[in-house]
Amino acid sequence: MVRRRYGRSSLGCLVSMAFAAAVIKRRILAFADSIGLPEAARHVHVKRGQKMISIWAEYYDNIELPGIVREIHFNPQASGPF
């Protein structure tokens, strides 16, 4: 006998993946605020593949030294197995 599959388990998996990504992103944003990163650093990207997760951001910050102001490009990123 063949049972019909209605996709409930797939929907549950999708919801749990979305929830996990939201929690990871919220924790990263809270950390960025706590160490005083610029507003542009709050644009964090999270990409989850089948077995890997990647997190990255891209922003510029000004470094002020006596007589010199430099704009530095930062691109922190991390990836690993999920």
PDB file of N, CA and C in Angstrom:
ATOM      1  N   MET A   1       0.836  -1.180   0.000  1.00  0.00           N
ATOM      2  CA  MET A   1       0.000   0.000   0.000  1.00  0.00           C
ATOM      3  C   MET A   1       0.887   1.253   0.000  1.00  0.00           C
ATOM      4  N   VAL A   2       0.558   2.208  -0.819  1.00  0.00           N
ATOM      5  CA  VAL A   2       1.325   3.442  -0.948  1.00  0.00           C
ATOM      6  C   VAL A   2       0.601   4.550  -0.203  1.00  0.00           C
ATOM      7  N   ARG A   3       1.350   5.232   0.678  1.00  0.00           N
ATOM      8  CA  ARG A   3       0.761   6.350   1.417  1.00  0.00           C
ATOM      9  C   ARG A   3       1.086   7.657   0.708  1.00  0.00           C
ATOM     10  N   ARG A   4       0.172   8.563   0.769  1.00  0.00           N
ATOM     11  CA  ARG A   4       0.407   9.887   0.184  1.00  0.00           C
ATOM     12  C   ARG A   4       1.199  10.732   1.170  1.00  0.00           C
ATOM     13  N   ARG A   5       2.137  11.460   0.624  1.00  0.00           N
ATOM     14  CA  ARG A   5       2.914  12.372   1.456  1.00  0.00           C
ATOM     15  C   ARG A   5       2.441  13.785   1.161  1.00  0.00           C
ATOM     16  N   TYR A   6       2.102  14.489   2.193  1.00  0.00           N
ATOM     17  CA  TYR A   6       1.552  15.822   2.030  1.00  0.00           C
ATOM     18  C   TYR A   6       2.590  16.934   2.179  1.00  0.00           C
ATOM     19  N   GLY A   7       3.845  16.598   2.471  1.00  0.00           N
ATOM     20  CA  GLY A   7       4.884  17.614   2.579  1.00  0.00           C
ATOM     21  C   GLY A   7       4.979  18.269   3.936  1.00  0.00           C
ATOM     22  N   ARG A   8       4.321  17.736   4.928  1.00  0.00           N
ATOM     23  CA  ARG A   8       4.364  18.344   6.260  1.00  0.00           C
ATOM     24  C   ARG A   8       5.762  18.300   6.854  1.00  0.00           C
ATOM     25  N   SER A   9       6.460  17.212   6.658  1.00  0.00           N
ATOM     26  CA  SER A   9       7.801  17.121   7.232  1.00  0.00           C
ATOM     27  C   SER A   9       8.753  18.093   6.527  1.00  0.00           C
ATOM     28  N   SER A  10       8.583  18.290   5.249  1.00  0.00           N
ATOM     29  CA  SER A  10       9.426  19.244   4.529  1.00  0.00           C
ATOM     30  C   SER A  10       9.171  20.663   5.007  1.00  0.00           C
ATOM     31  N   LEU A  11       7.927  20.991   5.258  1.00  0.00           N
ATOM     32  CA  LEU A  11       7.591  22.326   5.760  1.00  0.00           C
ATOM     33  C   LEU A  11       8.161  22.527   7.154  1.00  0.00           C
ATOM     34  N   GLY A  12       8.077  21.518   7.981  1.00  0.00           N
ATOM     35  CA  GLY A  12       8.643  21.615   9.328  1.00  0.00           C
ATOM     36  C   GLY A  12      10.138  21.820   9.301  1.00  0.00           C
ATOM     37  N   CYS A  13      10.816  21.151   8.397  1.00  0.00           N
ATOM     38  CA  CYS A  13      12.263  21.303   8.248  1.00  0.00           C
ATOM     39  C   CYS A  13      12.605  22.718   7.786  1.00  0.00           C
ATOM     40  N   LEU A  14      11.840  23.244   6.854  1.00  0.00           N
ATOM     41  CA  LEU A  14      12.068  24.594   6.340  1.00  0.00           C
ATOM     42  C   LEU A  14      11.874  25.628   7.443  1.00  0.00           C
ATOM     43  N   VAL A  15      10.846  25.469   8.239  1.00  0.00           N
ATOM     44  CA  VAL A  15      10.583  26.404   9.336  1.00  0.00           C
ATOM     45  C   VAL A  15      11.712  26.352  10.360  1.00  0.00           C
ATOM     46  N   SER A  16      12.180  25.161  10.698  1.00  0.00           N
ATOM     47  CA  SER A  16      13.261  25.058  11.683  1.00  0.00           C
ATOM     48  C   SER A  16      14.565  25.639  11.137  1.00  0.00           C
ATOM     49  N   MET A  17      14.836  25.479   9.844  1.00  0.00           N
ATOM     50  CA  MET A  17      16.038  26.070   9.248  1.00  0.00           C
ATOM     51  C   MET A  17      15.958  27.591   9.265  1.00  0.00           C
ATOM     52  N   ALA A  18      14.801  28.143   8.952  1.00  0.00           N
ATOM     53  CA  ALA A  18      14.627  29.593   8.971  1.00  0.00           C
ATOM     54  C   ALA A  18      14.796  30.134  10.389  1.00  0.00           C
ATOM     55  N   PHE A  19      14.263  29.412  11.364  1.00  0.00           N
ATOM     56  CA  PHE A  19      14.391  29.828  12.761  1.00  0.00           C
ATOM     57  C   PHE A  19      15.855  29.806  13.194  1.00  0.00           C
ATOM     58  N   ALA A  20      16.580  28.754  12.833  1.00  0.00           N
ATOM     59  CA  ALA A  20      17.996  28.646  13.202  1.00  0.00           C
ATOM     60  C   ALA A  20      18.809  29.775  12.576  1.00  0.00           C
ATOM     61  N   ALA A  21      18.555  30.104  11.326  1.00  0.00           N
ATOM     62  CA  ALA A  21      19.279  31.197  10.665  1.00  0.00           C
ATOM     63  C   ALA A  21      18.973  32.535  11.315  1.00  0.00           C
ATOM     64  N   ALA A  22      17.714  32.743  11.723  1.00  0.00           N
ATOM     65  CA  ALA A  22      17.335  34.002  12.374  1.00  0.00           C
ATOM     66  C   ALA A  22      18.032  34.142  13.721  1.00  0.00           C
ATOM     67  N   VAL A  23      18.132  33.052  14.476  1.00  0.00           N
ATOM     68  CA  VAL A  23      18.796  33.094  15.781  1.00  0.00           C
ATOM     69  C   VAL A  23      20.278  33.370  15.602  1.00  0.00           C
ATOM     70  N   ILE A  24      20.943  32.709  14.649  1.00  0.00           N
ATOM     71  CA  ILE A  24      22.378  32.965  14.395  1.00  0.00           C
ATOM     72  C   ILE A  24      22.580  34.416  14.038  1.00  0.00           C
ATOM     73  N   LYS A  25      21.736  34.975  13.161  1.00  0.00           N
ATOM     74  CA  LYS A  25      21.893  36.360  12.712  1.00  0.00           C
ATOM     75  C   LYS A  25      21.659  37.338  13.863  1.00  0.00           C
ATOM     76  N   ARG A  26      20.654  37.084  14.693  1.00  0.00           N
ATOM     77  CA  ARG A  26      20.362  37.986  15.810  1.00  0.00           C
ATOM     78  C   ARG A  26      21.521  38.026  16.796  1.00  0.00           C
ATOM     79  N   ARG A  27      22.136  36.880  17.073  1.00  0.00           N
ATOM     80  CA  ARG A  27      23.271  36.844  17.996  1.00  0.00           C
ATOM     81  C   ARG A  27      24.466  37.600  17.424  1.00  0.00           C
ATOM     82  N   ILE A  28      24.695  37.478  16.122  1.00  0.00           N
ATOM     83  CA  ILE A  28      25.811  38.187  15.486  1.00  0.00           C
ATOM     84  C   ILE A  28      25.580  39.691  15.536  1.00  0.00           C
ATOM     85  N   LEU A  29      24.356  40.137  15.271  1.00  0.00           N
ATOM     86  CA  LEU A  29      24.056  41.567  15.320  1.00  0.00           C
ATOM     87  C   LEU A  29      24.224  42.113  16.732  1.00  0.00           C
ATOM     88  N   ALA A  30      23.820  41.365  17.731  1.00  0.00           N
ATOM     89  CA  ALA A  30      23.995  41.798  19.123  1.00  0.00           C
ATOM     90  C   ALA A  30      25.473  41.925  19.460  1.00  0.00           C
ATOM     91  N   PHE A  31      26.278  40.998  18.976  1.00  0.00           N
ATOM     92  CA  PHE A  31      27.722  41.066  19.214  1.00  0.00           C
ATOM     93  C   PHE A  31      28.327  42.287  18.520  1.00  0.00           C
ATOM     94  N   ALA A  32      27.900  42.567  17.288  1.00  0.00           N
ATOM     95  CA  ALA A  32      28.399  43.737  16.553  1.00  0.00           C
ATOM     96  C   ALA A  32      28.076  45.019  17.311  1.00  0.00           C
ATOM     97  N   ASP A  33      26.888  45.098  17.888  1.00  0.00           N
ATOM     98  CA  ASP A  33      26.527  46.272  18.682  1.00  0.00           C
ATOM     99  C   ASP A  33      27.386  46.385  19.940  1.00  0.00           C
ATOM    100  N   SER A  34      27.650  45.262  20.581  1.00  0.00           N
ATOM    101  CA  SER A  34      28.376  45.292  21.851  1.00  0.00           C
ATOM    102  C   SER A  34      29.829  45.739  21.687  1.00  0.00           C
ATOM    103  N   ILE A  35      30.439  45.500  20.531  1.00  0.00           N
ATOM    104  CA  ILE A  35      31.833  45.913  20.345  1.00  0.00           C
ATOM    105  C   ILE A  35      31.957  47.225  19.575  1.00  0.00           C
ATOM    106  N   GLY A  36      30.820  47.862  19.280  1.00  0.00           N
ATOM    107  CA  GLY A  36      30.846  49.197  18.687  1.00  0.00           C
ATOM    108  C   GLY A  36      31.185  49.256  17.212  1.00  0.00           C
ATOM    109  N   LEU A  37      30.791  48.280  16.448  1.00  0.00           N
ATOM    110  CA  LEU A  37      31.019  48.333  15.000  1.00  0.00           C
ATOM    111  C   LEU A  37      30.093  49.355  14.346  1.00  0.00           C
ATOM    112  N   PRO A  38      30.477  49.901  13.194  1.00  0.00           N
ATOM    113  CA  PRO A  38      29.624  50.880  12.517  1.00  0.00           C
ATOM    114  C   PRO A  38      28.310  50.263  12.045  1.00  0.00           C
ATOM    115  N   GLU A  39      27.370  51.113  11.717  1.00  0.00           N
ATOM    116  CA  GLU A  39      26.029  50.677  11.295  1.00  0.00           C
ATOM    117  C   GLU A  39      26.071  49.757  10.076  1.00  0.00           C
ATOM    118  N   ALA A  40      26.990  50.011   9.161  1.00  0.00           N
ATOM    119  CA  ALA A  40      27.078  49.182   7.951  1.00  0.00           C
ATOM    120  C   ALA A  40      27.452  47.736   8.279  1.00  0.00           C
ATOM    121  N   ALA A  41      28.104  47.502   9.401  1.00  0.00           N
ATOM    122  CA  ALA A  41      28.496  46.143   9.787  1.00  0.00           C
ATOM    123  C   ALA A  41      27.296  45.326  10.232  1.00  0.00           C
ATOM    124  N   ARG A  42      26.156  45.953  10.424  1.00  0.00           N
ATOM    125  CA  ARG A  42      24.955  45.229  10.833  1.00  0.00           C
ATOM    126  C   ARG A  42      24.319  44.467   9.676  1.00  0.00           C
ATOM    127  N   HIS A  43      24.772  44.687   8.456  1.00  0.00           N
ATOM    128  CA  HIS A  43      24.226  43.976   7.299  1.00  0.00           C
ATOM    129  C   HIS A  43      24.956  42.635   7.163  1.00  0.00           C
ATOM    130  N   VAL A  44      24.515  41.689   7.955  1.00  0.00           N
ATOM    131  CA  VAL A  44      25.137  40.368   8.013  1.00  0.00           C
ATOM    132  C   VAL A  44      24.382  39.431   7.078  1.00  0.00           C
ATOM    133  N   HIS A  45      25.117  38.659   6.302  1.00  0.00           N
ATOM    134  CA  HIS A  45      24.522  37.691   5.393  1.00  0.00           C
ATOM    135  C   HIS A  45      24.747  36.288   5.933  1.00  0.00           C
ATOM    136  N   VAL A  46      23.704  35.477   5.893  1.00  0.00           N
ATOM    137  CA  VAL A  46      23.794  34.083   6.319  1.00  0.00           C
ATOM    138  C   VAL A  46      23.298  33.221   5.171  1.00  0.00           C
ATOM    139  N   LYS A  47      24.128  32.274   4.747  1.00  0.00           N
ATOM    140  CA  LYS A  47      23.734  31.359   3.678  1.00  0.00           C
ATOM    141  C   LYS A  47      23.949  29.947   4.190  1.00  0.00           C
ATOM    142  N   ARG A  48      22.904  29.160   4.141  1.00  0.00           N
ATOM    143  CA  ARG A  48      22.979  27.783   4.624  1.00  0.00           C
ATOM    144  C   ARG A  48      22.775  26.842   3.459  1.00  0.00           C
ATOM    145  N   GLY A  49      23.754  25.994   3.231  1.00  0.00           N
ATOM    146  CA  GLY A  49      23.641  24.967   2.208  1.00  0.00           C
ATOM    147  C   GLY A  49      23.183  23.667   2.833  1.00  0.00           C
ATOM    148  N   GLN A  50      23.342  22.609   2.113  1.00  0.00           N
ATOM    149  CA  GLN A  50      22.890  21.315   2.613  1.00  0.00           C
ATOM    150  C   GLN A  50      23.699  20.870   3.832  1.00  0.00           C
ATOM    151  N   LYS A  51      25.012  21.105   3.802  1.00  0.00           N
ATOM    152  CA  LYS A  51      25.854  20.682   4.917  1.00  0.00           C
ATOM    153  C   LYS A  51      26.778  21.785   5.422  1.00  0.00           C
ATOM    154  N   MET A  52      26.716  22.973   4.831  1.00  0.00           N
ATOM    155  CA  MET A  52      27.609  24.070   5.205  1.00  0.00           C
ATOM    156  C   MET A  52      26.800  25.315   5.520  1.00  0.00           C
ATOM    157  N   ILE A  53      27.364  26.152   6.364  1.00  0.00           N
ATOM    158  CA  ILE A  53      26.765  27.454   6.645  1.00  0.00           C
ATOM    159  C   ILE A  53      27.867  28.502   6.482  1.00  0.00           C
ATOM    160  N   SER A  54      27.526  29.613   5.855  1.00  0.00           N
ATOM    161  CA  SER A  54      28.467  30.712   5.640  1.00  0.00           C
ATOM    162  C   SER A  54      27.854  31.992   6.185  1.00  0.00           C
ATOM    163  N   ILE A  55      28.680  32.776   6.858  1.00  0.00           N
ATOM    164  CA  ILE A  55      28.246  34.047   7.438  1.00  0.00           C
ATOM    165  C   ILE A  55      29.273  35.087   7.038  1.00  0.00           C
ATOM    166  N   TRP A  56      28.811  36.239   6.529  1.00  0.00           N
ATOM    167  CA  TRP A  56      29.753  37.282   6.136  1.00  0.00           C
ATOM    168  C   TRP A  56      29.095  38.651   6.212  1.00  0.00           C
ATOM    169  N   ALA A  57      29.951  39.650   6.242  1.00  0.00           N
ATOM    170  CA  ALA A  57      29.531  41.056   6.224  1.00  0.00           C
ATOM    171  C   ALA A  57      30.586  41.826   5.440  1.00  0.00           C
ATOM    172  N   GLU A  58      30.236  43.025   5.050  1.00  0.00           N
ATOM    173  CA  GLU A  58      31.169  43.870   4.309  1.00  0.00           C
ATOM    174  C   GLU A  58      30.876  45.315   4.675  1.00  0.00           C
ATOM    175  N   TYR A  59      31.918  46.041   5.106  1.00  0.00           N
ATOM    176  CA  TYR A  59      31.708  47.431   5.505  1.00  0.00           C
ATOM    177  C   TYR A  59      33.037  48.186   5.485  1.00  0.00           C
ATOM    178  N   TYR A  60      32.944  49.503   5.542  1.00  0.00           N
ATOM    179  CA  TYR A  60      34.100  50.388   5.624  1.00  0.00           C
ATOM    180  C   TYR A  60      34.075  51.082   6.974  1.00  0.00           C
ATOM    181  N   ASP A  61      35.260  51.342   7.515  1.00  0.00           N
ATOM    182  CA  ASP A  61      35.376  52.075   8.769  1.00  0.00           C
ATOM    183  C   ASP A  61      36.556  53.032   8.651  1.00  0.00           C
ATOM    184  N   ASN A  62      36.442  54.174   9.301  1.00  0.00           N
ATOM    185  CA  ASN A  62      37.517  55.161   9.287  1.00  0.00           C
ATOM    186  C   ASN A  62      38.466  54.911  10.446  1.00  0.00           C
ATOM    187  N   ILE A  63      39.747  54.917  10.137  1.00  0.00           N
ATOM    188  CA  ILE A  63      40.797  54.799  11.139  1.00  0.00           C
ATOM    189  C   ILE A  63      41.467  56.167  11.219  1.00  0.00           C
ATOM    190  N   GLU A  64      41.451  56.758  12.405  1.00  0.00           N
ATOM    191  CA  GLU A  64      42.017  58.092  12.588  1.00  0.00           C
ATOM    192  C   GLU A  64      43.311  58.008  13.393  1.00  0.00           C
ATOM    193  N   LEU A  65      44.375  58.453  12.782  1.00  0.00           N
ATOM    194  CA  LEU A  65      45.672  58.569  13.429  1.00  0.00           C
ATOM    195  C   LEU A  65      46.072  60.036  13.383  1.00  0.00           C
ATOM    196  N   PRO A  66      47.042  60.457  14.181  1.00  0.00           N
ATOM    197  CA  PRO A  66      47.447  61.865  14.128  1.00  0.00           C
ATOM    198  C   PRO A  66      47.887  62.265  12.718  1.00  0.00           C
ATOM    199  N   GLY A  67      47.162  63.187  12.120  1.00  0.00           N
ATOM    200  CA  GLY A  67      47.480  63.686  10.794  1.00  0.00           C
ATOM    201  C   GLY A  67      46.984  62.832   9.641  1.00  0.00           C
ATOM    202  N   ILE A  68      46.370  61.696   9.893  1.00  0.00           N
ATOM    203  CA  ILE A  68      45.923  60.793   8.829  1.00  0.00           C
ATOM    204  C   ILE A  68      44.558  60.203   9.188  1.00  0.00           C
ATOM    205  N   VAL A  69      43.696  60.178   8.190  1.00  0.00           N
ATOM    206  CA  VAL A  69      42.420  59.471   8.316  1.00  0.00           C
ATOM    207  C   VAL A  69      42.331  58.523   7.126  1.00  0.00           C
ATOM    208  N   ARG A  70      42.183  57.252   7.404  1.00  0.00           N
ATOM    209  CA  ARG A  70      42.091  56.241   6.345  1.00  0.00           C
ATOM    210  C   ARG A  70      40.762  55.516   6.424  1.00  0.00           C
ATOM    211  N   GLU A  71      40.230  55.226   5.260  1.00  0.00           N
ATOM    212  CA  GLU A  71      39.020  54.415   5.186  1.00  0.00           C
ATOM    213  C   GLU A  71      39.448  52.985   4.835  1.00  0.00           C
ATOM    214  N   ILE A  72      39.133  52.047   5.721  1.00  0.00           N
ATOM    215  CA  ILE A  72      39.549  50.660   5.568  1.00  0.00           C
ATOM    216  C   ILE A  72      38.341  49.793   5.239  1.00  0.00           C
ATOM    217  N   HIS A  73      38.517  48.904   4.275  1.00  0.00           N
ATOM    218  CA  HIS A  73      37.460  47.972   3.883  1.00  0.00           C
ATOM    219  C   HIS A  73      37.607  46.682   4.694  1.00  0.00           C
ATOM    220  N   PHE A  74      36.540  46.277   5.371  1.00  0.00           N
ATOM    221  CA  PHE A  74      36.516  45.039   6.139  1.00  0.00           C
ATOM    222  C   PHE A  74      35.548  44.067   5.485  1.00  0.00           C
ATOM    223  N   ASN A  75      35.939  42.800   5.445  1.00  0.00           N
ATOM    224  CA  ASN A  75      35.094  41.766   4.876  1.00  0.00           C
ATOM    225  C   ASN A  75      35.232  40.481   5.721  1.00  0.00           C
ATOM    226  N   PRO A  76      34.736  40.510   6.981  1.00  0.00           N
ATOM    227  CA  PRO A  76      34.846  39.297   7.803  1.00  0.00           C
ATOM    228  C   PRO A  76      33.913  38.219   7.291  1.00  0.00           C
ATOM    229  N   GLN A  77      34.389  36.979   7.323  1.00  0.00           N
ATOM    230  CA  GLN A  77      33.566  35.866   6.869  1.00  0.00           C
ATOM    231  C   GLN A  77      33.994  34.589   7.565  1.00  0.00           C
ATOM    232  N   ALA A  78      33.051  33.704   7.713  1.00  0.00           N
ATOM    233  CA  ALA A  78      33.320  32.399   8.308  1.00  0.00           C
ATOM    234  C   ALA A  78      32.393  31.381   7.674  1.00  0.00           C
ATOM    235  N   SER A  79      32.868  30.150   7.572  1.00  0.00           N
ATOM    236  CA  SER A  79      32.018  29.078   7.071  1.00  0.00           C
ATOM    237  C   SER A  79      32.473  27.779   7.712  1.00  0.00           C
ATOM    238  N   GLY A  80      31.558  26.841   7.779  1.00  0.00           N
ATOM    239  CA  GLY A  80      31.879  25.562   8.378  1.00  0.00           C
ATOM    240  C   GLY A  80      30.704  24.607   8.238  1.00  0.00           C
ATOM    241  N   PRO A  81      30.900  23.378   8.683  1.00  0.00           N
ATOM    242  CA  PRO A  81      29.821  22.398   8.596  1.00  0.00           C
ATOM    243  C   PRO A  81      28.697  22.738   9.556  1.00  0.00           C
ATOM    244  N   PHE A  82      27.515  22.413   9.168  1.00  0.00           N
ATOM    245  CA  PHE A  82      26.327  22.688   9.988  1.00  0.00           C
ATOM    246  C   PHE A  82      25.928  21.463  10.738  1.00  0.00           C
TER     247      PHE A  82
END
